[in-house]
Amino acid sequence: MVFGSVSTGVANPAGADGLTFLVRVWDQAPFARHDRFVATVERVAGELGQAGLFTAEQRTAIVDGARRAEPDLRV
């Protein structure tokens, strides 16, 4: 997955319902502030982690990538 120009090094898996991680995140847009975007990324990564789609290391990489992408995601 990539946020702006920041690659997380993690694939974009789909859950049992067929929705990918990124679809789940962007369905919550627009985000009033970057911290709300990061909170959504963290929540969705946690949900999919509990479903066995991400390891703890992958969740960390995803959330860190979302945080680092702030300059790229400014409107």
C-alpha atoms as a PDB file:
ATOM      1  CA  MET A   1       0.000   0.000   0.000  1.00  0.00           C
ATOM      2  CA  VAL A   2       1.043   3.555  -0.709  1.00  0.00           C
ATOM      3  CA  PHE A   3      -0.141   6.759   0.960  1.00  0.00           C
ATOM      4  CA  GLY A   4       0.878   9.672  -1.220  1.00  0.00           C
ATOM      5  CA  SER A   5       4.454   8.776  -2.087  1.00  0.00           C
ATOM      6  CA  VAL A   6       5.054   6.696   1.063  1.00  0.00           C
ATOM      7  CA  SER A   7       5.132   2.952   0.492  1.00  0.00           C
ATOM      8  CA  THR A   8       4.272   0.794   3.475  1.00  0.00           C
ATOM      9  CA  GLY A   9       5.670  -2.387   1.930  1.00  0.00           C
ATOM     10  CA  VAL A  10       2.398  -4.129   2.809  1.00  0.00           C
ATOM     11  CA  ALA A  11      -0.134  -5.564   0.342  1.00  0.00           C
ATOM     12  CA  ASN A  12      -3.753  -4.337   0.206  1.00  0.00           C
ATOM     13  CA  PRO A  13      -5.741  -7.440   1.206  1.00  0.00           C
ATOM     14  CA  ALA A  14      -9.475  -7.912   1.003  1.00  0.00           C
ATOM     15  CA  GLY A  15     -11.490  -9.156   3.934  1.00  0.00           C
ATOM     16  CA  ALA A  16     -14.126 -11.891   3.795  1.00  0.00           C
ATOM     17  CA  ASP A  17     -16.594  -9.311   2.444  1.00  0.00           C
ATOM     18  CA  GLY A  18     -14.314  -8.556  -0.522  1.00  0.00           C
ATOM     19  CA  LEU A  19     -13.498  -5.007   0.604  1.00  0.00           C
ATOM     20  CA  THR A  20      -9.815  -4.115   0.597  1.00  0.00           C
ATOM     21  CA  PHE A  21      -8.046  -2.214   3.334  1.00  0.00           C
ATOM     22  CA  LEU A  22      -7.826   0.940   1.222  1.00  0.00           C
ATOM     23  CA  VAL A  23     -11.505   0.807   0.242  1.00  0.00           C
ATOM     24  CA  ARG A  24     -12.407   0.580   3.929  1.00  0.00           C
ATOM     25  CA  VAL A  25     -10.224   3.592   4.742  1.00  0.00           C
ATOM     26  CA  TRP A  26     -11.229   5.825   1.832  1.00  0.00           C
ATOM     27  CA  ASP A  27     -14.918   5.061   2.388  1.00  0.00           C
ATOM     28  CA  GLN A  28     -14.512   7.162   5.566  1.00  0.00           C
ATOM     29  CA  ALA A  29     -13.192  10.215   3.657  1.00  0.00           C
ATOM     30  CA  PRO A  30     -13.074  13.142   3.662  1.00  0.00           C
ATOM     31  CA  PHE A  31     -10.965  13.537   6.767  1.00  0.00           C
ATOM     32  CA  ALA A  32     -11.088  16.899   8.541  1.00  0.00           C
ATOM     33  CA  ARG A  33      -7.494  16.559   9.707  1.00  0.00           C
ATOM     34  CA  HIS A  34      -4.578  14.236   9.105  1.00  0.00           C
ATOM     35  CA  ASP A  35      -4.813  12.801  12.616  1.00  0.00           C
ATOM     36  CA  ARG A  36      -8.351  11.602  11.839  1.00  0.00           C
ATOM     37  CA  PHE A  37      -7.053   9.880   8.718  1.00  0.00           C
ATOM     38  CA  VAL A  38      -4.317   8.198  10.766  1.00  0.00           C
ATOM     39  CA  ALA A  39      -6.843   7.131  13.412  1.00  0.00           C
ATOM     40  CA  THR A  40      -8.995   5.539  10.701  1.00  0.00           C
ATOM     41  CA  VAL A  41      -5.974   3.753   9.214  1.00  0.00           C
ATOM     42  CA  GLU A  42      -5.075   2.489  12.685  1.00  0.00           C
ATOM     43  CA  ARG A  43      -8.617   1.267  13.395  1.00  0.00           C
ATOM     44  CA  VAL A  44      -9.017  -0.515  10.056  1.00  0.00           C
ATOM     45  CA  ALA A  45      -5.540  -2.059  10.315  1.00  0.00           C
ATOM     46  CA  GLY A  46      -6.477  -3.340  13.765  1.00  0.00           C
ATOM     47  CA  GLU A  47      -9.746  -4.812  12.527  1.00  0.00           C
ATOM     48  CA  LEU A  48      -8.060  -6.594   9.644  1.00  0.00           C
ATOM     49  CA  GLY A  49      -5.240  -7.651  11.944  1.00  0.00           C
ATOM     50  CA  GLN A  50      -7.761  -9.317  14.241  1.00  0.00           C
ATOM     51  CA  ALA A  51      -9.137 -11.073  11.164  1.00  0.00           C
ATOM     52  CA  GLY A  52      -5.649 -12.464  10.529  1.00  0.00           C
ATOM     53  CA  LEU A  53      -4.844 -10.362   7.471  1.00  0.00           C
ATOM     54  CA  PHE A  54      -1.977  -8.344   9.022  1.00  0.00           C
ATOM     55  CA  THR A  55       0.788  -9.138  11.462  1.00  0.00           C
ATOM     56  CA  ALA A  56       1.651  -6.677  14.237  1.00  0.00           C
ATOM     57  CA  GLU A  57       4.686  -5.562  12.213  1.00  0.00           C
ATOM     58  CA  GLN A  58       2.540  -4.921   9.144  1.00  0.00           C
ATOM     59  CA  ARG A  59       0.039  -2.889  11.179  1.00  0.00           C
ATOM     60  CA  THR A  60       2.904  -0.783  12.514  1.00  0.00           C
ATOM     61  CA  ALA A  61       4.272  -0.236   8.988  1.00  0.00           C
ATOM     62  CA  ILE A  62       0.836   0.811   7.725  1.00  0.00           C
ATOM     63  CA  VAL A  63       0.182   3.304  10.518  1.00  0.00           C
ATOM     64  CA  ASP A  64       3.719   4.710  10.344  1.00  0.00           C
ATOM     65  CA  GLY A  65       3.333   5.147   6.580  1.00  0.00           C
ATOM     66  CA  ALA A  66       0.049   6.978   7.041  1.00  0.00           C
ATOM     67  CA  ARG A  67       1.671   9.335   9.561  1.00  0.00           C
ATOM     68  CA  ARG A  68       4.692  10.029   7.322  1.00  0.00           C
ATOM     69  CA  ALA A  69       2.450  10.773   4.332  1.00  0.00           C
ATOM     70  CA  GLU A  70       0.949  13.934   5.829  1.00  0.00           C
ATOM     71  CA  PRO A  71       2.809  16.333   3.475  1.00  0.00           C
ATOM     72  CA  ASP A  72       1.710  14.310   0.443  1.00  0.00           C
ATOM     73  CA  LEU A  73      -1.932  14.160   1.508  1.00  0.00           C
ATOM     74  CA  ARG A  74      -2.446  17.862   2.210  1.00  0.00           C
ATOM     75  CA  VAL A  75      -5.101  19.372   0.023  1.00  0.00           C
END
